[in-house]
Amino acid sequence: MPRKQHRRDYDARARKEAAAQTRAHVLDAATKLFLRDGYAATTVAKIAKTARVSVETIYKTFGGKPGLVRAMWERALAGAGPVPAAQRSDELQAQATDARSLMRAWSRLSGEVAPLASPILLLIRDAAAHDREMAKLQAEADRARLARMSDNARALVKFGIDATRSRDVMWLATSPEMYEMVVIRRGWSVDQYSELIHQLLVGALL
């Protein structure tokens, strides 16, 4: 490869990596402030100051507060691992040989994703009462979660489990309100929360 082309490729990679780091840093700051102070009280200026970037950078990258919260939600749904949680869920479905072990695996995955996503979904829910954009995002998040549970439910049909019932049970078990009640309000550990989901699924569907 010619030296100039190599240099251009290197510079492009460096800029992309720097942009990704800045984006992650801004989302970290936004998540901290939104969850601590609430949606209305958190301003783009506060987030920019905390992240040590310009207000213009945030608007250019995210388009303002609604875009920031959307990006927070999307990042949380991916989970904590290098492979997105949705992809891992699909792989679990493909590899499953019995319903009980699949429910156990899903429960563990919920225990990974819920601590990241549920506080953000609860933030969206509370803000939706007074903000039109957050109301739209709440409706979108609800549809997305129901679609994921519908997909999960179809994987259980081969084990003789009714798809509609399993979809609705999983919809309930993975709701942010469930996480709020047992972890945030009652102080359960994430492991206890994950085990509760497993018990709910097994008890209601097997």
C-alpha atoms as a PDB file:
ATOM      1  CA  MET A   1       0.000   0.000   0.000  1.00  0.00           C
ATOM      2  CA  PRO A   2       1.396   3.452  -0.870  1.00  0.00           C
ATOM      3  CA  ARG A   3       2.563   5.467   2.102  1.00  0.00           C
ATOM      4  CA  LYS A   4       0.038   8.285   1.550  1.00  0.00           C
ATOM      5  CA  GLN A   5      -2.874   5.850   1.344  1.00  0.00           C
ATOM      6  CA  HIS A   6      -1.673   4.107   4.490  1.00  0.00           C
ATOM      7  CA  ARG A   7      -1.525   7.442   6.258  1.00  0.00           C
ATOM      8  CA  ARG A   8      -5.047   8.374   5.144  1.00  0.00           C
ATOM      9  CA  ASP A   9      -6.407   5.033   6.328  1.00  0.00           C
ATOM     10  CA  TYR A  10      -4.647   5.449   9.668  1.00  0.00           C
ATOM     11  CA  ASP A  11      -6.003   8.982  10.103  1.00  0.00           C
ATOM     12  CA  ALA A  12      -9.522   7.826   9.215  1.00  0.00           C
ATOM     13  CA  ARG A  13      -9.362   5.026  11.788  1.00  0.00           C
ATOM     14  CA  ALA A  14      -8.010   7.398  14.409  1.00  0.00           C
ATOM     15  CA  ARG A  15     -10.814   9.896  13.778  1.00  0.00           C
ATOM     16  CA  LYS A  16     -13.425   7.140  13.936  1.00  0.00           C
ATOM     17  CA  GLU A  17     -12.034   5.808  17.202  1.00  0.00           C
ATOM     18  CA  ALA A  18     -11.863   9.299  18.689  1.00  0.00           C
ATOM     19  CA  ALA A  19     -15.459   9.966  17.673  1.00  0.00           C
ATOM     20  CA  ALA A  20     -16.590   6.687  19.244  1.00  0.00           C
ATOM     21  CA  GLN A  21     -14.766   7.511  22.467  1.00  0.00           C
ATOM     22  CA  THR A  22     -16.312  10.972  22.578  1.00  0.00           C
ATOM     23  CA  ARG A  23     -19.758   9.520  21.946  1.00  0.00           C
ATOM     24  CA  ALA A  24     -19.344   6.976  24.749  1.00  0.00           C
ATOM     25  CA  HIS A  25     -18.038   9.659  27.107  1.00  0.00           C
ATOM     26  CA  VAL A  26     -21.024  11.907  26.393  1.00  0.00           C
ATOM     27  CA  LEU A  27     -23.454   9.027  26.901  1.00  0.00           C
ATOM     28  CA  ASP A  28     -21.796   8.155  30.207  1.00  0.00           C
ATOM     29  CA  ALA A  29     -22.187  11.744  31.383  1.00  0.00           C
ATOM     30  CA  ALA A  30     -25.763  11.977  30.123  1.00  0.00           C
ATOM     31  CA  THR A  31     -26.771   8.721  31.793  1.00  0.00           C
ATOM     32  CA  LYS A  32     -25.307   9.828  35.111  1.00  0.00           C
ATOM     33  CA  LEU A  33     -27.064  13.201  35.050  1.00  0.00           C
ATOM     34  CA  PHE A  34     -30.417  12.043  33.691  1.00  0.00           C
ATOM     35  CA  LEU A  35     -30.716   9.223  36.222  1.00  0.00           C
ATOM     36  CA  ARG A  36     -29.587  11.448  39.087  1.00  0.00           C
ATOM     37  CA  ASP A  37     -31.476  14.663  38.294  1.00  0.00           C
ATOM     38  CA  GLY A  38     -34.310  13.598  36.011  1.00  0.00           C
ATOM     39  CA  TYR A  39     -35.126  14.464  32.428  1.00  0.00           C
ATOM     40  CA  ALA A  40     -36.490  17.973  32.874  1.00  0.00           C
ATOM     41  CA  ALA A  41     -33.721  19.202  35.178  1.00  0.00           C
ATOM     42  CA  THR A  42     -30.892  17.886  33.018  1.00  0.00           C
ATOM     43  CA  THR A  43     -29.813  20.283  30.303  1.00  0.00           C
ATOM     44  CA  VAL A  44     -27.594  19.772  27.296  1.00  0.00           C
ATOM     45  CA  ALA A  45     -25.297  22.443  28.748  1.00  0.00           C
ATOM     46  CA  LYS A  46     -24.859  20.425  31.960  1.00  0.00           C
ATOM     47  CA  ILE A  47     -24.102  17.292  30.003  1.00  0.00           C
ATOM     48  CA  ALA A  48     -21.611  19.119  27.802  1.00  0.00           C
ATOM     49  CA  LYS A  49     -19.856  20.557  30.843  1.00  0.00           C
ATOM     50  CA  THR A  50     -19.664  17.179  32.558  1.00  0.00           C
ATOM     51  CA  ALA A  51     -18.413  15.456  29.403  1.00  0.00           C
ATOM     52  CA  ARG A  52     -16.055  18.341  28.612  1.00  0.00           C
ATOM     53  CA  VAL A  53     -17.351  18.797  25.096  1.00  0.00           C
ATOM     54  CA  SER A  54     -19.153  21.659  23.405  1.00  0.00           C
ATOM     55  CA  VAL A  55     -22.909  21.982  23.333  1.00  0.00           C
ATOM     56  CA  GLU A  56     -22.616  22.063  19.558  1.00  0.00           C
ATOM     57  CA  THR A  57     -20.925  18.654  19.579  1.00  0.00           C
ATOM     58  CA  ILE A  58     -23.855  17.141  21.451  1.00  0.00           C
ATOM     59  CA  TYR A  59     -26.448  18.652  19.136  1.00  0.00           C
ATOM     60  CA  LYS A  60     -24.465  17.605  16.071  1.00  0.00           C
ATOM     61  CA  THR A  61     -24.044  14.044  17.327  1.00  0.00           C
ATOM     62  CA  PHE A  62     -27.361  13.394  19.076  1.00  0.00           C
ATOM     63  CA  GLY A  63     -29.728  16.190  18.123  1.00  0.00           C
ATOM     64  CA  GLY A  64     -30.518  17.206  21.702  1.00  0.00           C
ATOM     65  CA  LYS A  65     -31.988  15.571  24.778  1.00  0.00           C
ATOM     66  CA  PRO A  66     -34.408  13.147  23.071  1.00  0.00           C
ATOM     67  CA  GLY A  67     -31.614  11.848  20.865  1.00  0.00           C
ATOM     68  CA  LEU A  68     -29.357  11.412  23.867  1.00  0.00           C
ATOM     69  CA  VAL A  69     -31.931   9.350  25.736  1.00  0.00           C
ATOM     70  CA  ARG A  70     -32.614   7.248  22.647  1.00  0.00           C
ATOM     71  CA  ALA A  71     -28.874   6.547  22.280  1.00  0.00           C
ATOM     72  CA  MET A  72     -28.666   5.668  25.986  1.00  0.00           C
ATOM     73  CA  TRP A  73     -31.539   3.218  25.600  1.00  0.00           C
ATOM     74  CA  GLU A  74     -30.095   1.608  22.471  1.00  0.00           C
ATOM     75  CA  ARG A  75     -26.695   1.213  24.104  1.00  0.00           C
ATOM     76  CA  ALA A  76     -28.243  -0.340  27.214  1.00  0.00           C
ATOM     77  CA  LEU A  77     -30.181  -2.893  25.159  1.00  0.00           C
ATOM     78  CA  ALA A  78     -26.920  -4.213  23.750  1.00  0.00           C
ATOM     79  CA  GLY A  79     -25.929  -5.405  27.227  1.00  0.00           C
ATOM     80  CA  ALA A  80     -22.478  -5.525  28.752  1.00  0.00           C
ATOM     81  CA  GLY A  81     -20.737  -7.989  26.457  1.00  0.00           C
ATOM     82  CA  PRO A  82     -18.951  -7.473  23.137  1.00  0.00           C
ATOM     83  CA  VAL A  83     -21.787  -9.267  21.296  1.00  0.00           C
ATOM     84  CA  PRO A  84     -25.174  -7.462  21.381  1.00  0.00           C
ATOM     85  CA  ALA A  85     -27.694  -9.057  23.712  1.00  0.00           C
ATOM     86  CA  ALA A  86     -30.282  -9.498  20.966  1.00  0.00           C
ATOM     87  CA  GLN A  87     -27.812 -11.483  18.885  1.00  0.00           C
ATOM     88  CA  ARG A  88     -26.931 -13.656  21.847  1.00  0.00           C
ATOM     89  CA  SER A  89     -30.633 -14.251  22.491  1.00  0.00           C
ATOM     90  CA  ASP A  90     -31.074 -15.398  18.896  1.00  0.00           C
ATOM     91  CA  GLU A  91     -28.129 -17.770  19.296  1.00  0.00           C
ATOM     92  CA  LEU A  92     -29.654 -19.180  22.483  1.00  0.00           C
ATOM     93  CA  GLN A  93     -32.875 -19.891  20.614  1.00  0.00           C
ATOM     94  CA  ALA A  94     -31.039 -21.660  17.812  1.00  0.00           C
ATOM     95  CA  GLN A  95     -29.036 -23.847  20.195  1.00  0.00           C
ATOM     96  CA  ALA A  96     -31.790 -24.668  22.694  1.00  0.00           C
ATOM     97  CA  THR A  97     -32.697 -28.314  23.191  1.00  0.00           C
ATOM     98  CA  ASP A  98     -35.323 -27.830  25.921  1.00  0.00           C
ATOM     99  CA  ALA A  99     -37.508 -25.017  27.200  1.00  0.00           C
ATOM    100  CA  ARG A 100     -36.261 -25.004  30.790  1.00  0.00           C
ATOM    101  CA  SER A 101     -32.605 -24.419  29.903  1.00  0.00           C
ATOM    102  CA  LEU A 102     -33.602 -21.739  27.391  1.00  0.00           C
ATOM    103  CA  MET A 103     -35.624 -19.928  30.052  1.00  0.00           C
ATOM    104  CA  ARG A 104     -32.653 -20.131  32.405  1.00  0.00           C
ATOM    105  CA  ALA A 105     -30.380 -18.602  29.775  1.00  0.00           C
ATOM    106  CA  TRP A 106     -32.875 -15.848  29.004  1.00  0.00           C
ATOM    107  CA  SER A 107     -33.195 -15.074  32.705  1.00  0.00           C
ATOM    108  CA  ARG A 108     -29.443 -14.658  33.015  1.00  0.00           C
ATOM    109  CA  LEU A 109     -29.412 -12.403  29.970  1.00  0.00           C
ATOM    110  CA  SER A 110     -32.193 -10.326  31.523  1.00  0.00           C
ATOM    111  CA  GLY A 111     -30.068 -10.020  34.641  1.00  0.00           C
ATOM    112  CA  GLU A 112     -27.353  -8.493  32.490  1.00  0.00           C
ATOM    113  CA  VAL A 113     -29.502  -6.112  30.447  1.00  0.00           C
ATOM    114  CA  ALA A 114     -32.080  -4.976  33.003  1.00  0.00           C
ATOM    115  CA  PRO A 115     -29.684  -3.031  35.292  1.00  0.00           C
ATOM    116  CA  LEU A 116     -28.591  -1.066  32.231  1.00  0.00           C
ATOM    117  CA  ALA A 117     -31.895  -0.626  30.415  1.00  0.00           C
ATOM    118  CA  SER A 118     -34.593  -0.542  33.096  1.00  0.00           C
ATOM    119  CA  PRO A 119     -33.486   2.708  34.805  1.00  0.00           C
ATOM    120  CA  ILE A 120     -33.470   4.399  31.394  1.00  0.00           C
ATOM    121  CA  LEU A 121     -36.891   3.011  30.514  1.00  0.00           C
ATOM    122  CA  LEU A 122     -38.206   4.263  33.845  1.00  0.00           C
ATOM    123  CA  LEU A 123     -36.701   7.682  33.088  1.00  0.00           C
ATOM    124  CA  ILE A 124     -38.480   7.660  29.722  1.00  0.00           C
ATOM    125  CA  ARG A 125     -41.751   6.593  31.352  1.00  0.00           C
ATOM    126  CA  ASP A 126     -41.653   9.392  33.906  1.00  0.00           C
ATOM    127  CA  ALA A 127     -40.678  12.019  31.320  1.00  0.00           C
ATOM    128  CA  ALA A 128     -43.351  10.829  28.889  1.00  0.00           C
ATOM    129  CA  ALA A 129     -46.077  12.308  31.083  1.00  0.00           C
ATOM    130  CA  HIS A 130     -44.848  15.807  30.277  1.00  0.00           C
ATOM    131  CA  ASP A 131     -42.761  15.519  27.105  1.00  0.00           C
ATOM    132  CA  ARG A 132     -44.136  14.540  23.692  1.00  0.00           C
ATOM    133  CA  GLU A 133     -40.840  13.232  22.355  1.00  0.00           C
ATOM    134  CA  MET A 134     -40.376  11.025  25.389  1.00  0.00           C
ATOM    135  CA  ALA A 135     -43.933   9.741  24.998  1.00  0.00           C
ATOM    136  CA  LYS A 136     -43.080   8.728  21.438  1.00  0.00           C
ATOM    137  CA  LEU A 137     -39.904   7.034  22.608  1.00  0.00           C
ATOM    138  CA  GLN A 138     -41.790   5.186  25.339  1.00  0.00           C
ATOM    139  CA  ALA A 139     -44.258   3.851  22.778  1.00  0.00           C
ATOM    140  CA  GLU A 140     -41.387   2.795  20.529  1.00  0.00           C
ATOM    141  CA  ALA A 141     -39.589   1.073  23.395  1.00  0.00           C
ATOM    142  CA  ASP A 142     -42.764  -0.772  24.370  1.00  0.00           C
ATOM    143  CA  ARG A 143     -43.257  -1.980  20.797  1.00  0.00           C
ATOM    144  CA  ALA A 144     -39.635  -3.061  20.541  1.00  0.00           C
ATOM    145  CA  ARG A 145     -39.775  -5.064  23.773  1.00  0.00           C
ATOM    146  CA  LEU A 146     -43.057  -6.704  22.785  1.00  0.00           C
ATOM    147  CA  ALA A 147     -41.569  -7.619  19.402  1.00  0.00           C
ATOM    148  CA  ARG A 148     -38.557  -9.203  21.112  1.00  0.00           C
ATOM    149  CA  MET A 149     -40.797 -11.179  23.474  1.00  0.00           C
ATOM    150  CA  SER A 150     -42.915 -12.292  20.514  1.00  0.00           C
ATOM    151  CA  ASP A 151     -39.769 -13.543  18.817  1.00  0.00           C
ATOM    152  CA  ASN A 152     -38.739 -15.370  21.981  1.00  0.00           C
ATOM    153  CA  ALA A 153     -42.190 -16.884  22.277  1.00  0.00           C
ATOM    154  CA  ARG A 154     -41.987 -18.354  18.780  1.00  0.00           C
ATOM    155  CA  ALA A 155     -38.866 -20.211  19.873  1.00  0.00           C
ATOM    156  CA  LEU A 156     -40.903 -21.945  22.587  1.00  0.00           C
ATOM    157  CA  VAL A 157     -43.599 -23.233  20.245  1.00  0.00           C
ATOM    158  CA  LYS A 158     -41.403 -26.199  19.259  1.00  0.00           C
ATOM    159  CA  PHE A 159     -41.500 -27.246  22.917  1.00  0.00           C
ATOM    160  CA  GLY A 160     -45.302 -27.230  22.933  1.00  0.00           C
ATOM    161  CA  ILE A 161     -45.747 -23.874  24.689  1.00  0.00           C
ATOM    162  CA  ASP A 162     -48.437 -21.447  23.560  1.00  0.00           C
ATOM    163  CA  ALA A 163     -46.861 -18.428  21.853  1.00  0.00           C
ATOM    164  CA  THR A 164     -49.403 -15.840  23.012  1.00  0.00           C
ATOM    165  CA  ARG A 165     -49.234 -16.864  26.651  1.00  0.00           C
ATOM    166  CA  SER A 166     -45.442 -17.063  26.715  1.00  0.00           C
ATOM    167  CA  ARG A 167     -45.117 -13.696  24.984  1.00  0.00           C
ATOM    168  CA  ASP A 168     -47.290 -12.027  27.596  1.00  0.00           C
ATOM    169  CA  VAL A 169     -45.599 -13.744  30.541  1.00  0.00           C
ATOM    170  CA  MET A 170     -42.168 -12.710  29.267  1.00  0.00           C
ATOM    171  CA  TRP A 171     -43.482  -9.196  28.586  1.00  0.00           C
ATOM    172  CA  LEU A 172     -44.505  -8.961  32.242  1.00  0.00           C
ATOM    173  CA  ALA A 173     -41.367 -10.589  33.646  1.00  0.00           C
ATOM    174  CA  THR A 174     -38.977  -8.319  31.737  1.00  0.00           C
ATOM    175  CA  SER A 175     -40.859  -5.069  32.320  1.00  0.00           C
ATOM    176  CA  PRO A 176     -38.909  -2.169  33.813  1.00  0.00           C
ATOM    177  CA  GLU A 177     -41.602  -1.996  36.476  1.00  0.00           C
ATOM    178  CA  MET A 178     -40.688  -5.495  37.642  1.00  0.00           C
ATOM    179  CA  TYR A 179     -37.064  -4.437  37.997  1.00  0.00           C
ATOM    180  CA  GLU A 180     -38.161  -1.238  39.754  1.00  0.00           C
ATOM    181  CA  MET A 181     -40.303  -3.071  42.285  1.00  0.00           C
ATOM    182  CA  VAL A 182     -37.907  -5.795  43.336  1.00  0.00           C
ATOM    183  CA  VAL A 183     -34.427  -4.311  42.787  1.00  0.00           C
ATOM    184  CA  ILE A 184     -34.787  -0.544  43.150  1.00  0.00           C
ATOM    185  CA  ARG A 185     -37.574  -0.434  45.729  1.00  0.00           C
ATOM    186  CA  ARG A 186     -37.083  -3.681  47.635  1.00  0.00           C
ATOM    187  CA  GLY A 187     -33.324  -3.985  47.341  1.00  0.00           C
ATOM    188  CA  TRP A 188     -33.079  -7.411  45.751  1.00  0.00           C
ATOM    189  CA  SER A 189     -29.765  -8.313  44.151  1.00  0.00           C
ATOM    190  CA  VAL A 190     -29.564  -8.713  40.384  1.00  0.00           C
ATOM    191  CA  ASP A 191     -28.968 -12.439  40.872  1.00  0.00           C
ATOM    192  CA  GLN A 192     -32.163 -12.690  42.913  1.00  0.00           C
ATOM    193  CA  TYR A 193     -34.004 -10.724  40.231  1.00  0.00           C
ATOM    194  CA  SER A 194     -32.709 -13.051  37.523  1.00  0.00           C
ATOM    195  CA  GLU A 195     -33.764 -16.098  39.522  1.00  0.00           C
ATOM    196  CA  LEU A 196     -37.225 -14.608  40.025  1.00  0.00           C
ATOM    197  CA  ILE A 197     -37.644 -14.224  36.267  1.00  0.00           C
ATOM    198  CA  HIS A 198     -36.627 -17.846  35.797  1.00  0.00           C
ATOM    199  CA  GLN A 199     -39.117 -19.004  38.416  1.00  0.00           C
ATOM    200  CA  LEU A 200     -41.894 -16.911  36.848  1.00  0.00           C
ATOM    201  CA  LEU A 201     -41.269 -18.311  33.397  1.00  0.00           C
ATOM    202  CA  VAL A 202     -41.019 -21.923  34.546  1.00  0.00           C
ATOM    203  CA  GLY A 203     -43.991 -21.654  36.898  1.00  0.00           C
ATOM    204  CA  ALA A 204     -46.261 -19.969  34.383  1.00  0.00           C
ATOM    205  CA  LEU A 205     -45.261 -21.798  31.209  1.00  0.00           C
ATOM    206  CA  LEU A 206     -44.062 -25.308  32.116  1.00  0.00           C
END
